């Protein structure tokens, strides 16, 4: 129920984009600070600097607001600038991808978003699926397509490129992602990332490089 005194006139088209952005930024901070269950529409309105009436013009409840944040996160992260040029050699591309992938999943502050999605996925499975499809599965699919190109070029010998892409992605996360996401360690240092990714590339090529 919205108090009559708290309602606001509909926004104009010119105001819509910036106001929605303002609300999403405020909501993101509240969800990260308090978690989904601890967040309230009143607190989100306060942090976003808008009235509750304005907030309800855009989002009917915090479920829809959280869904919008996850959608934005998924689209942004799923479209991260990974370079999968099929003409480039596997060692170079895998190394660059490993570093870029860890920068996505272990970025400072990013762990809170992933934890929140994981916590709410059971109640909102469509939100969890959307995040997984865009960020995780979408990236694996693009890496698998690149690996297939290197198989066709006779550089790699892989029967299942999707499986191989998943394996490499997880090897890059070894000792880095789980301690970070469970708050057992801070975001990994560049040196730690270099060490883990280099090891993952060596192991991957030892298994899949075509020997001549």
N, C-alpha and C. Protein backbone atom coordinates (compact mmCIF):
# COMPACT_ATOMS: atom_id res chain seq x y z
N UNK A 1 0.85 -1.19 0.00
CA UNK A 1 0.00 0.00 0.00
C UNK A 1 0.88 1.24 0.00
N UNK A 2 0.58 2.18 -0.87
CA UNK A 2 1.37 3.41 -1.00
C UNK A 2 0.55 4.56 -0.46
N UNK A 3 1.11 5.35 0.45
CA UNK A 3 0.41 6.51 0.97
C UNK A 3 0.18 7.53 -0.12
N UNK A 4 -0.99 8.18 -0.08
CA UNK A 4 -1.30 9.18 -1.10
C UNK A 4 -0.27 10.30 -1.09
N UNK A 5 0.23 10.63 0.12
CA UNK A 5 1.19 11.72 0.22
C UNK A 5 2.54 11.35 -0.36
N UNK A 6 2.72 10.05 -0.57
CA UNK A 6 4.02 9.60 -1.04
C UNK A 6 4.05 9.33 -2.54
N UNK A 7 2.91 9.51 -3.21
CA UNK A 7 2.86 9.27 -4.64
C UNK A 7 3.42 10.45 -5.39
N UNK A 8 3.91 10.20 -6.61
CA UNK A 8 4.47 11.25 -7.45
C UNK A 8 3.90 11.13 -8.84
N UNK A 9 3.88 12.22 -9.60
CA UNK A 9 3.37 12.15 -10.97
C UNK A 9 4.23 11.24 -11.81
N UNK A 10 3.67 10.67 -12.87
CA UNK A 10 4.48 9.82 -13.77
C UNK A 10 5.65 10.61 -14.34
N UNK A 11 6.78 9.93 -14.52
CA UNK A 11 7.95 10.60 -15.06
C UNK A 11 7.81 10.76 -16.56
N UNK A 12 8.50 11.75 -17.08
CA UNK A 12 8.50 11.96 -18.52
C UNK A 12 9.50 11.02 -19.17
N UNK A 13 9.40 10.79 -20.48
CA UNK A 13 10.37 9.90 -21.15
C UNK A 13 11.81 10.35 -20.96
N UNK A 14 12.06 11.66 -20.95
CA UNK A 14 13.44 12.15 -20.80
C UNK A 14 14.01 11.83 -19.41
N UNK A 15 13.14 11.79 -18.41
CA UNK A 15 13.60 11.52 -17.06
C UNK A 15 13.75 10.02 -16.77
N UNK A 16 13.09 9.21 -17.57
CA UNK A 16 12.95 7.79 -17.25
C UNK A 16 14.27 7.08 -17.08
N UNK A 17 15.18 7.19 -18.04
CA UNK A 17 16.42 6.43 -18.02
C UNK A 17 17.30 6.80 -16.83
N UNK A 18 17.49 8.09 -16.59
CA UNK A 18 18.36 8.50 -15.50
C UNK A 18 17.76 8.16 -14.14
N UNK A 19 16.45 8.28 -14.01
CA UNK A 19 15.80 7.96 -12.73
C UNK A 19 15.88 6.46 -12.46
N UNK A 20 15.67 5.66 -13.48
CA UNK A 20 15.76 4.21 -13.31
C UNK A 20 17.18 3.82 -12.91
N UNK A 21 18.17 4.45 -13.54
CA UNK A 21 19.57 4.20 -13.19
C UNK A 21 19.83 4.57 -11.74
N UNK A 22 19.31 5.69 -11.30
CA UNK A 22 19.48 6.13 -9.93
C UNK A 22 18.90 5.11 -8.95
N UNK A 23 17.73 4.59 -9.28
CA UNK A 23 17.09 3.60 -8.42
C UNK A 23 17.89 2.30 -8.38
N UNK A 24 18.34 1.85 -9.54
CA UNK A 24 19.09 0.59 -9.59
C UNK A 24 20.40 0.69 -8.82
N UNK A 25 21.08 1.83 -8.92
CA UNK A 25 22.34 2.00 -8.19
C UNK A 25 22.09 1.98 -6.68
N UNK A 26 21.04 2.65 -6.24
CA UNK A 26 20.70 2.64 -4.82
C UNK A 26 20.32 1.25 -4.35
N UNK A 27 19.53 0.56 -5.14
CA UNK A 27 19.10 -0.79 -4.78
C UNK A 27 20.27 -1.75 -4.73
N UNK A 28 21.18 -1.62 -5.68
CA UNK A 28 22.35 -2.49 -5.70
C UNK A 28 23.15 -2.35 -4.40
N UNK A 29 23.31 -1.12 -3.94
CA UNK A 29 24.06 -0.89 -2.71
C UNK A 29 23.34 -1.51 -1.51
N UNK A 30 22.02 -1.36 -1.46
CA UNK A 30 21.26 -1.91 -0.33
C UNK A 30 21.32 -3.43 -0.34
N UNK A 31 21.13 -4.04 -1.50
CA UNK A 31 21.18 -5.50 -1.57
C UNK A 31 22.55 -6.02 -1.18
N UNK A 32 23.61 -5.34 -1.59
CA UNK A 32 24.96 -5.78 -1.25
C UNK A 32 25.24 -5.60 0.24
N UNK A 33 24.72 -4.52 0.83
CA UNK A 33 24.98 -4.24 2.24
C UNK A 33 24.12 -5.10 3.17
N UNK A 34 22.86 -5.31 2.80
CA UNK A 34 21.90 -5.95 3.70
C UNK A 34 21.45 -7.32 3.24
N UNK A 35 21.77 -7.70 2.00
CA UNK A 35 21.24 -8.95 1.46
C UNK A 35 19.79 -8.76 1.01
N UNK A 36 19.26 -9.77 0.31
CA UNK A 36 17.90 -9.64 -0.21
C UNK A 36 16.88 -9.54 0.91
N UNK A 37 16.98 -10.43 1.89
CA UNK A 37 15.97 -10.45 2.95
C UNK A 37 16.02 -9.21 3.82
N UNK A 38 17.20 -8.66 4.03
CA UNK A 38 17.31 -7.48 4.87
C UNK A 38 16.93 -6.18 4.18
N UNK A 39 16.85 -6.20 2.87
CA UNK A 39 16.52 -4.98 2.12
C UNK A 39 15.02 -4.70 2.17
N UNK A 40 14.66 -3.45 2.21
CA UNK A 40 13.26 -3.05 2.16
C UNK A 40 13.10 -1.97 1.10
N UNK A 41 11.91 -1.84 0.58
CA UNK A 41 11.66 -0.81 -0.42
C UNK A 41 11.88 0.58 0.17
N UNK A 42 11.55 0.75 1.45
CA UNK A 42 11.78 2.04 2.09
C UNK A 42 13.25 2.40 2.15
N UNK A 43 14.08 1.42 2.52
CA UNK A 43 15.52 1.67 2.59
C UNK A 43 16.10 1.90 1.20
N UNK A 44 15.62 1.16 0.22
CA UNK A 44 16.08 1.36 -1.15
C UNK A 44 15.74 2.76 -1.64
N UNK A 45 14.52 3.22 -1.36
CA UNK A 45 14.12 4.57 -1.76
C UNK A 45 15.01 5.61 -1.09
N UNK A 46 15.30 5.40 0.19
CA UNK A 46 16.13 6.36 0.92
C UNK A 46 17.53 6.44 0.33
N UNK A 47 18.15 5.28 0.10
CA UNK A 47 19.52 5.26 -0.42
C UNK A 47 19.57 5.79 -1.86
N UNK A 48 18.53 5.49 -2.64
CA UNK A 48 18.48 5.96 -4.02
C UNK A 48 18.14 7.44 -4.13
N UNK A 49 17.65 8.02 -3.04
CA UNK A 49 17.31 9.44 -3.06
C UNK A 49 16.03 9.75 -3.80
N UNK A 50 15.05 8.82 -3.73
CA UNK A 50 13.75 9.03 -4.37
C UNK A 50 12.66 8.74 -3.36
N UNK A 51 11.45 9.19 -3.66
CA UNK A 51 10.32 8.87 -2.79
C UNK A 51 9.87 7.44 -3.04
N UNK A 52 9.14 6.87 -2.08
CA UNK A 52 8.61 5.52 -2.29
C UNK A 52 7.64 5.51 -3.47
N UNK A 53 6.92 6.61 -3.65
CA UNK A 53 6.00 6.68 -4.78
C UNK A 53 6.73 6.56 -6.11
N UNK A 54 7.85 7.28 -6.23
CA UNK A 54 8.65 7.19 -7.46
C UNK A 54 9.20 5.78 -7.64
N UNK A 55 9.65 5.17 -6.56
CA UNK A 55 10.19 3.81 -6.62
C UNK A 55 9.14 2.84 -7.17
N UNK A 56 7.90 2.96 -6.68
CA UNK A 56 6.84 2.05 -7.12
C UNK A 56 6.36 2.33 -8.54
N UNK A 57 6.64 3.52 -9.06
CA UNK A 57 6.35 3.78 -10.47
C UNK A 57 7.16 2.83 -11.35
N UNK A 58 8.38 2.54 -10.92
CA UNK A 58 9.30 1.72 -11.73
C UNK A 58 9.22 0.24 -11.38
N UNK A 59 9.08 -0.07 -10.10
CA UNK A 59 9.14 -1.47 -9.66
C UNK A 59 8.05 -1.75 -8.63
N UNK A 60 7.30 -2.81 -8.85
CA UNK A 60 6.16 -3.12 -7.98
C UNK A 60 6.60 -3.68 -6.63
N UNK A 61 7.76 -4.32 -6.56
CA UNK A 61 8.26 -4.87 -5.30
C UNK A 61 9.75 -5.14 -5.43
N UNK A 62 10.36 -5.57 -4.35
CA UNK A 62 11.82 -5.75 -4.37
C UNK A 62 12.22 -6.97 -5.20
N UNK A 63 11.29 -7.92 -5.41
CA UNK A 63 11.61 -9.04 -6.29
C UNK A 63 11.86 -8.55 -7.71
N UNK A 64 10.96 -7.67 -8.20
CA UNK A 64 11.13 -7.15 -9.56
C UNK A 64 12.37 -6.26 -9.65
N UNK A 65 12.66 -5.55 -8.59
CA UNK A 65 13.84 -4.68 -8.58
C UNK A 65 15.11 -5.52 -8.59
N UNK A 66 15.15 -6.56 -7.79
CA UNK A 66 16.31 -7.43 -7.76
C UNK A 66 16.49 -8.13 -9.11
N UNK A 67 15.38 -8.54 -9.71
CA UNK A 67 15.44 -9.19 -11.01
C UNK A 67 16.05 -8.26 -12.05
N UNK A 68 15.69 -6.98 -12.00
CA UNK A 68 16.24 -6.01 -12.95
C UNK A 68 17.74 -5.84 -12.76
N UNK A 69 18.20 -5.86 -11.52
CA UNK A 69 19.62 -5.73 -11.25
C UNK A 69 20.38 -6.94 -11.77
N UNK A 70 19.83 -8.12 -11.53
CA UNK A 70 20.48 -9.34 -12.01
C UNK A 70 20.51 -9.38 -13.53
N UNK A 71 19.42 -8.95 -14.15
CA UNK A 71 19.36 -8.91 -15.61
C UNK A 71 20.46 -8.01 -16.16
N UNK A 72 20.62 -6.84 -15.56
CA UNK A 72 21.65 -5.89 -15.99
C UNK A 72 23.05 -6.47 -15.78
N UNK A 73 23.25 -7.09 -14.62
CA UNK A 73 24.54 -7.70 -14.31
C UNK A 73 24.87 -8.82 -15.29
N UNK A 74 23.85 -9.65 -15.58
CA UNK A 74 24.07 -10.78 -16.47
C UNK A 74 24.42 -10.32 -17.88
N UNK A 75 23.69 -9.34 -18.36
CA UNK A 75 23.95 -8.84 -19.72
C UNK A 75 25.34 -8.21 -19.79
N UNK A 76 25.68 -7.43 -18.76
CA UNK A 76 26.98 -6.74 -18.76
C UNK A 76 28.12 -7.74 -18.66
N UNK A 77 28.03 -8.66 -17.71
CA UNK A 77 29.12 -9.62 -17.51
C UNK A 77 29.16 -10.65 -18.62
N UNK A 78 27.98 -11.05 -19.10
CA UNK A 78 27.95 -12.02 -20.19
C UNK A 78 28.56 -11.47 -21.47
N UNK A 79 28.51 -10.15 -21.61
CA UNK A 79 29.08 -9.53 -22.79
C UNK A 79 30.48 -8.99 -22.57
N UNK A 80 31.14 -9.47 -21.52
CA UNK A 80 32.50 -9.01 -21.24
C UNK A 80 33.40 -9.20 -22.45
N UNK A 81 34.39 -8.35 -22.56
CA UNK A 81 35.19 -8.28 -23.77
C UNK A 81 36.26 -9.37 -23.80
N UNK A 82 35.81 -10.63 -23.90
CA UNK A 82 36.75 -11.73 -24.09
C UNK A 82 37.10 -11.80 -25.57
N UNK A 83 38.38 -12.00 -25.87
CA UNK A 83 38.82 -12.05 -27.26
C UNK A 83 38.96 -13.50 -27.71
N UNK A 84 38.04 -13.93 -28.57
CA UNK A 84 38.05 -15.30 -29.08
C UNK A 84 38.25 -15.31 -30.59
N UNK A 85 39.23 -14.58 -31.06
CA UNK A 85 39.54 -14.56 -32.49
C UNK A 85 40.00 -15.95 -32.90
N UNK A 86 39.27 -16.64 -33.76
CA UNK A 86 39.60 -18.02 -34.11
C UNK A 86 40.94 -18.18 -34.81
N UNK A 87 41.52 -17.08 -35.29
CA UNK A 87 42.80 -17.16 -35.98
C UNK A 87 43.99 -17.12 -35.03
N UNK A 88 43.76 -16.74 -33.78
CA UNK A 88 44.87 -16.60 -32.83
C UNK A 88 45.18 -17.93 -32.17
N UNK A 89 46.43 -18.12 -31.76
CA UNK A 89 46.85 -19.39 -31.20
C UNK A 89 46.24 -19.63 -29.83
N UNK A 90 46.12 -20.89 -29.47
CA UNK A 90 45.41 -21.28 -28.26
C UNK A 90 46.11 -20.80 -26.99
N UNK A 91 47.41 -20.90 -26.93
CA UNK A 91 48.12 -20.51 -25.70
C UNK A 91 47.86 -19.04 -25.36
N UNK A 92 47.94 -18.18 -26.37
CA UNK A 92 47.72 -16.75 -26.14
C UNK A 92 46.28 -16.47 -25.72
N UNK A 93 45.33 -17.02 -26.45
CA UNK A 93 43.92 -16.76 -26.17
C UNK A 93 43.51 -17.31 -24.80
N UNK A 94 43.94 -18.51 -24.48
CA UNK A 94 43.60 -19.11 -23.20
C UNK A 94 44.16 -18.30 -22.04
N UNK A 95 45.39 -17.84 -22.17
CA UNK A 95 45.99 -17.04 -21.11
C UNK A 95 45.22 -15.73 -20.92
N UNK A 96 44.92 -15.05 -22.02
CA UNK A 96 44.18 -13.79 -21.92
C UNK A 96 42.79 -14.01 -21.35
N UNK A 97 42.13 -15.08 -21.80
CA UNK A 97 40.79 -15.37 -21.28
C UNK A 97 40.82 -15.68 -19.79
N UNK A 98 41.80 -16.49 -19.36
CA UNK A 98 41.88 -16.83 -17.94
C UNK A 98 42.00 -15.60 -17.06
N UNK A 99 42.85 -14.68 -17.46
CA UNK A 99 42.99 -13.43 -16.69
C UNK A 99 41.70 -12.62 -16.71
N UNK A 100 41.06 -12.52 -17.87
CA UNK A 100 39.84 -11.73 -17.98
C UNK A 100 38.70 -12.37 -17.19
N UNK A 101 38.64 -13.71 -17.21
CA UNK A 101 37.56 -14.39 -16.49
C UNK A 101 37.67 -14.19 -14.98
N UNK A 102 38.89 -14.31 -14.45
CA UNK A 102 39.07 -14.09 -13.02
C UNK A 102 38.77 -12.64 -12.65
N UNK A 103 39.08 -11.71 -13.55
CA UNK A 103 38.74 -10.31 -13.30
C UNK A 103 37.23 -10.12 -13.19
N UNK A 104 36.45 -10.93 -13.89
CA UNK A 104 34.99 -10.85 -13.83
C UNK A 104 34.46 -11.45 -12.54
N UNK A 105 34.86 -12.67 -12.23
CA UNK A 105 34.23 -13.39 -11.11
C UNK A 105 34.86 -13.07 -9.76
N UNK A 106 36.06 -12.50 -9.75
CA UNK A 106 36.72 -12.18 -8.48
C UNK A 106 37.01 -10.69 -8.35
N UNK A 107 36.26 -9.87 -9.05
CA UNK A 107 36.50 -8.43 -8.95
C UNK A 107 36.07 -7.93 -7.56
N UNK A 108 36.78 -6.97 -6.99
CA UNK A 108 36.40 -6.41 -5.68
C UNK A 108 34.96 -5.90 -5.72
N UNK A 109 34.17 -6.33 -4.77
CA UNK A 109 32.75 -5.94 -4.72
C UNK A 109 31.85 -6.85 -5.50
N UNK A 110 32.40 -7.55 -6.47
CA UNK A 110 31.57 -8.41 -7.30
C UNK A 110 31.07 -9.64 -6.58
N UNK A 111 31.80 -10.08 -5.55
CA UNK A 111 31.39 -11.26 -4.82
C UNK A 111 30.03 -11.11 -4.17
N UNK A 112 29.72 -9.89 -3.71
CA UNK A 112 28.43 -9.68 -3.07
C UNK A 112 27.28 -9.94 -4.03
N UNK A 113 27.44 -9.52 -5.28
CA UNK A 113 26.39 -9.74 -6.27
C UNK A 113 26.19 -11.22 -6.52
N UNK A 114 27.29 -11.97 -6.67
CA UNK A 114 27.18 -13.41 -6.93
C UNK A 114 26.56 -14.11 -5.73
N UNK A 115 26.99 -13.75 -4.51
CA UNK A 115 26.43 -14.38 -3.31
C UNK A 115 24.93 -14.12 -3.22
N UNK A 116 24.51 -12.91 -3.54
CA UNK A 116 23.10 -12.57 -3.45
C UNK A 116 22.28 -13.35 -4.46
N UNK A 117 22.80 -13.50 -5.68
CA UNK A 117 22.11 -14.31 -6.69
C UNK A 117 22.00 -15.75 -6.22
N UNK A 118 23.07 -16.29 -5.68
CA UNK A 118 23.05 -17.67 -5.20
C UNK A 118 22.03 -17.84 -4.07
N UNK A 119 21.95 -16.85 -3.19
CA UNK A 119 21.06 -16.95 -2.04
C UNK A 119 19.58 -16.90 -2.44
N UNK A 120 19.26 -16.18 -3.50
CA UNK A 120 17.86 -15.99 -3.89
C UNK A 120 17.43 -16.94 -4.99
N UNK A 121 18.36 -17.68 -5.59
CA UNK A 121 18.04 -18.52 -6.75
C UNK A 121 16.99 -19.58 -6.45
N UNK A 122 16.96 -20.09 -5.22
CA UNK A 122 15.96 -21.12 -4.89
C UNK A 122 14.55 -20.55 -4.92
N UNK A 123 14.40 -19.30 -4.47
CA UNK A 123 13.07 -18.66 -4.48
C UNK A 123 12.73 -18.06 -5.83
N UNK A 124 13.75 -17.66 -6.57
CA UNK A 124 13.54 -17.05 -7.88
C UNK A 124 14.41 -17.79 -8.90
N UNK A 125 14.07 -19.05 -9.20
CA UNK A 125 14.94 -19.86 -10.07
C UNK A 125 15.17 -19.26 -11.44
N UNK A 126 14.18 -18.51 -11.96
CA UNK A 126 14.35 -17.91 -13.27
C UNK A 126 15.46 -16.87 -13.26
N UNK A 127 15.66 -16.20 -12.13
CA UNK A 127 16.73 -15.21 -12.00
C UNK A 127 18.08 -15.92 -12.00
N UNK A 128 18.19 -17.00 -11.23
CA UNK A 128 19.43 -17.76 -11.21
C UNK A 128 19.76 -18.33 -12.57
N UNK A 129 18.74 -18.85 -13.27
CA UNK A 129 18.98 -19.43 -14.59
C UNK A 129 19.44 -18.37 -15.58
N UNK A 130 18.84 -17.19 -15.51
CA UNK A 130 19.21 -16.14 -16.44
C UNK A 130 20.66 -15.71 -16.23
N UNK A 131 21.04 -15.57 -14.97
CA UNK A 131 22.42 -15.20 -14.68
C UNK A 131 23.37 -16.29 -15.15
N UNK A 132 23.03 -17.54 -14.87
CA UNK A 132 23.90 -18.64 -15.28
C UNK A 132 24.01 -18.71 -16.80
N UNK A 133 22.88 -18.61 -17.48
CA UNK A 133 22.90 -18.72 -18.94
C UNK A 133 23.73 -17.62 -19.59
N UNK A 134 23.60 -16.40 -19.10
CA UNK A 134 24.30 -15.27 -19.72
C UNK A 134 25.78 -15.24 -19.33
N UNK A 135 26.08 -15.40 -18.05
CA UNK A 135 27.44 -15.19 -17.58
C UNK A 135 28.28 -16.45 -17.68
N UNK A 136 27.74 -17.58 -17.22
CA UNK A 136 28.53 -18.81 -17.18
C UNK A 136 28.42 -19.58 -18.50
N UNK A 137 27.22 -20.03 -18.80
CA UNK A 137 27.05 -20.87 -19.98
C UNK A 137 27.34 -20.11 -21.27
N UNK A 138 26.98 -18.84 -21.33
CA UNK A 138 27.26 -18.05 -22.53
C UNK A 138 28.75 -17.95 -22.79
N UNK A 139 29.53 -17.76 -21.72
CA UNK A 139 30.98 -17.67 -21.87
C UNK A 139 31.58 -19.02 -22.26
N UNK A 140 31.10 -20.09 -21.65
CA UNK A 140 31.59 -21.42 -22.01
C UNK A 140 31.32 -21.70 -23.49
N UNK A 141 30.13 -21.32 -23.95
CA UNK A 141 29.79 -21.56 -25.35
C UNK A 141 30.72 -20.82 -26.31
N UNK A 142 31.06 -19.59 -25.97
CA UNK A 142 31.96 -18.81 -26.84
C UNK A 142 33.37 -19.40 -26.83
N UNK A 143 33.84 -19.84 -25.65
CA UNK A 143 35.15 -20.46 -25.57
C UNK A 143 35.15 -21.79 -26.33
N UNK A 144 34.07 -22.56 -26.22
CA UNK A 144 33.97 -23.84 -26.93
C UNK A 144 34.03 -23.64 -28.43
N UNK A 145 33.38 -22.59 -28.93
CA UNK A 145 33.41 -22.31 -30.36
C UNK A 145 34.83 -21.97 -30.81
N UNK A 146 35.55 -21.23 -29.97
CA UNK A 146 36.95 -20.92 -30.29
C UNK A 146 37.79 -22.21 -30.32
N UNK A 147 37.60 -23.06 -29.33
CA UNK A 147 38.37 -24.30 -29.29
C UNK A 147 38.09 -25.17 -30.50
N UNK A 148 36.84 -25.18 -30.95
CA UNK A 148 36.51 -25.96 -32.15
C UNK A 148 37.26 -25.42 -33.36
N UNK A 149 37.40 -24.11 -33.44
CA UNK A 149 38.15 -23.50 -34.54
C UNK A 149 39.61 -23.95 -34.52
N UNK A 150 40.19 -24.07 -33.30
CA UNK A 150 41.58 -24.52 -33.21
C UNK A 150 41.71 -26.03 -33.45
N UNK A 151 40.64 -26.78 -33.18
CA UNK A 151 40.61 -28.19 -33.56
C UNK A 151 40.63 -28.31 -35.09
N UNK A 152 39.79 -27.49 -35.72
CA UNK A 152 39.72 -27.51 -37.19
C UNK A 152 41.05 -27.08 -37.81
N UNK A 153 41.79 -26.23 -37.10
CA UNK A 153 43.09 -25.76 -37.59
C UNK A 153 44.22 -26.74 -37.25
N UNK A 154 43.86 -27.87 -36.66
CA UNK A 154 44.84 -28.92 -36.32
C UNK A 154 45.83 -28.50 -35.24
N UNK A 155 45.41 -27.57 -34.39
CA UNK A 155 46.26 -27.18 -33.26
C UNK A 155 45.90 -27.97 -32.01
N UNK A 156 44.61 -28.28 -31.85
CA UNK A 156 44.13 -29.00 -30.68
C UNK A 156 43.43 -30.28 -31.10
N UNK A 157 43.42 -31.26 -30.21
CA UNK A 157 42.70 -32.51 -30.43
C UNK A 157 41.70 -32.68 -29.29
N UNK A 158 40.44 -32.27 -29.53
CA UNK A 158 39.41 -32.28 -28.49
C UNK A 158 38.16 -32.94 -29.06
N UNK A 159 37.64 -33.93 -28.34
CA UNK A 159 36.40 -34.58 -28.77
C UNK A 159 35.16 -33.77 -28.37
N UNK A 160 35.19 -33.16 -27.19
CA UNK A 160 34.04 -32.41 -26.67
C UNK A 160 34.53 -31.03 -26.25
N UNK A 161 34.34 -30.06 -27.14
CA UNK A 161 34.86 -28.71 -26.88
C UNK A 161 34.11 -28.01 -25.75
N UNK A 162 32.84 -28.30 -25.58
CA UNK A 162 32.08 -27.70 -24.48
C UNK A 162 32.63 -28.17 -23.14
N UNK A 163 32.88 -29.47 -23.03
CA UNK A 163 33.47 -30.01 -21.80
C UNK A 163 34.85 -29.41 -21.57
N UNK A 164 35.66 -29.34 -22.60
CA UNK A 164 37.00 -28.79 -22.45
C UNK A 164 36.96 -27.32 -22.02
N UNK A 165 36.03 -26.56 -22.57
CA UNK A 165 35.89 -25.15 -22.19
C UNK A 165 35.51 -25.04 -20.72
N UNK A 166 34.60 -25.89 -20.26
CA UNK A 166 34.20 -25.88 -18.85
C UNK A 166 35.37 -26.24 -17.96
N UNK A 167 36.15 -27.22 -18.38
CA UNK A 167 37.32 -27.63 -17.60
C UNK A 167 38.31 -26.48 -17.45
N UNK A 168 38.58 -25.79 -18.57
CA UNK A 168 39.56 -24.71 -18.49
C UNK A 168 39.05 -23.58 -17.61
N UNK A 169 37.80 -23.24 -17.75
CA UNK A 169 37.23 -22.18 -16.93
C UNK A 169 37.39 -22.49 -15.44
N UNK A 170 37.10 -23.71 -15.05
CA UNK A 170 37.21 -24.09 -13.64
C UNK A 170 38.67 -24.19 -13.19
N UNK A 171 39.56 -24.63 -14.06
CA UNK A 171 40.97 -24.66 -13.69
C UNK A 171 41.50 -23.26 -13.37
N UNK A 172 41.02 -22.27 -14.10
CA UNK A 172 41.45 -20.89 -13.86
C UNK A 172 40.95 -20.38 -12.51
N UNK A 173 39.83 -20.93 -12.04
CA UNK A 173 39.26 -20.50 -10.76
C UNK A 173 39.92 -21.20 -9.57
N UNK A 174 40.69 -22.25 -9.80
CA UNK A 174 41.23 -23.06 -8.72
C UNK A 174 42.03 -22.21 -7.72
N UNK A 175 41.72 -22.37 -6.45
CA UNK A 175 42.33 -21.66 -5.32
C UNK A 175 42.03 -20.16 -5.29
N UNK A 176 41.30 -19.65 -6.28
CA UNK A 176 41.02 -18.21 -6.35
C UNK A 176 39.55 -17.90 -6.06
N UNK A 177 38.64 -18.57 -6.77
CA UNK A 177 37.24 -18.18 -6.71
C UNK A 177 36.56 -18.58 -5.40
N UNK A 178 36.69 -19.84 -4.97
CA UNK A 178 35.97 -20.27 -3.78
C UNK A 178 36.41 -19.53 -2.51
N UNK A 179 37.71 -19.36 -2.26
CA UNK A 179 38.08 -18.56 -1.09
C UNK A 179 37.53 -17.14 -1.16
N UNK A 180 37.49 -16.58 -2.37
CA UNK A 180 36.97 -15.22 -2.53
C UNK A 180 35.47 -15.17 -2.29
N UNK A 181 34.72 -16.07 -2.90
CA UNK A 181 33.25 -15.99 -2.83
C UNK A 181 32.74 -16.30 -1.44
N UNK A 182 33.48 -17.14 -0.68
CA UNK A 182 33.09 -17.46 0.69
C UNK A 182 33.77 -16.56 1.72
N UNK A 183 34.40 -15.50 1.22
CA UNK A 183 35.03 -14.48 2.06
C UNK A 183 36.15 -15.05 2.91
N UNK A 184 36.78 -16.12 2.41
CA UNK A 184 37.95 -16.65 3.08
C UNK A 184 39.22 -15.94 2.68
N UNK A 185 39.15 -15.15 1.62
CA UNK A 185 40.32 -14.41 1.14
C UNK A 185 39.83 -13.21 0.34
N UNK A 186 40.65 -12.16 0.24
CA UNK A 186 40.27 -11.01 -0.58
C UNK A 186 40.39 -11.35 -2.06
N UNK A 187 40.04 -10.40 -2.90
CA UNK A 187 40.22 -10.59 -4.33
C UNK A 187 41.67 -10.94 -4.60
N UNK A 188 41.93 -11.94 -5.46
CA UNK A 188 43.31 -12.41 -5.66
C UNK A 188 44.21 -11.33 -6.26
N UNK A 189 45.47 -11.41 -5.90
CA UNK A 189 46.46 -10.46 -6.42
C UNK A 189 46.81 -10.81 -7.86
N UNK A 190 47.34 -9.85 -8.61
CA UNK A 190 47.77 -10.15 -9.99
C UNK A 190 48.76 -11.30 -10.05
N UNK A 191 49.65 -11.37 -9.07
CA UNK A 191 50.63 -12.45 -9.06
C UNK A 191 49.99 -13.81 -8.88
N UNK A 192 48.99 -13.88 -8.00
CA UNK A 192 48.28 -15.15 -7.79
C UNK A 192 47.52 -15.56 -9.03
N UNK A 193 46.90 -14.60 -9.70
CA UNK A 193 46.17 -14.89 -10.94
C UNK A 193 47.13 -15.38 -12.01
N UNK A 194 48.27 -14.71 -12.16
CA UNK A 194 49.27 -15.13 -13.14
C UNK A 194 49.67 -16.59 -12.92
N UNK A 195 49.93 -16.94 -11.68
CA UNK A 195 50.39 -18.29 -11.35
C UNK A 195 49.33 -19.34 -11.69
N UNK A 196 48.09 -19.10 -11.27
CA UNK A 196 47.03 -20.08 -11.48
C UNK A 196 46.69 -20.21 -12.97
N UNK A 197 46.57 -19.10 -13.67
CA UNK A 197 46.22 -19.15 -15.08
C UNK A 197 47.32 -19.82 -15.89
N UNK A 198 48.57 -19.50 -15.60
CA UNK A 198 49.68 -20.13 -16.32
C UNK A 198 49.65 -21.65 -16.12
N UNK A 199 49.37 -22.08 -14.90
CA UNK A 199 49.28 -23.51 -14.63
C UNK A 199 48.12 -24.14 -15.39
N UNK A 200 46.97 -23.44 -15.42
CA UNK A 200 45.80 -23.96 -16.13
C UNK A 200 46.08 -24.11 -17.62
N UNK A 201 46.77 -23.14 -18.21
CA UNK A 201 47.11 -23.21 -19.63
C UNK A 201 48.04 -24.39 -19.90
N UNK A 202 49.04 -24.57 -19.04
CA UNK A 202 49.98 -25.69 -19.23
C UNK A 202 49.25 -27.03 -19.16
N UNK A 203 48.39 -27.18 -18.16
CA UNK A 203 47.65 -28.44 -18.00
C UNK A 203 46.72 -28.69 -19.17
N UNK A 204 46.04 -27.63 -19.61
CA UNK A 204 45.10 -27.77 -20.72
C UNK A 204 45.81 -28.20 -22.01
N UNK A 205 46.90 -27.53 -22.30
CA UNK A 205 47.63 -27.86 -23.54
C UNK A 205 48.32 -29.22 -23.44
N UNK A 206 48.73 -29.61 -22.24
CA UNK A 206 49.32 -30.94 -22.09
C UNK A 206 48.30 -32.01 -22.41
N UNK A 207 47.02 -31.73 -22.11
CA UNK A 207 45.96 -32.69 -22.39
C UNK A 207 45.45 -32.64 -23.82
N UNK A 208 45.40 -31.44 -24.40
CA UNK A 208 44.67 -31.29 -25.66
C UNK A 208 45.49 -30.80 -26.86
N UNK A 209 46.73 -30.36 -26.64
CA UNK A 209 47.51 -29.89 -27.80
C UNK A 209 47.80 -31.06 -28.72
N UNK A 210 47.67 -30.83 -30.01
CA UNK A 210 47.93 -31.88 -31.01
C UNK A 210 49.43 -32.04 -31.17
N UNK A 211 49.93 -33.23 -30.93
CA UNK A 211 51.36 -33.49 -31.03
C UNK A 211 51.71 -33.90 -32.47
N UNK A 212 52.73 -33.29 -33.01
CA UNK A 212 53.14 -33.61 -34.37
C UNK A 212 54.46 -34.36 -34.38
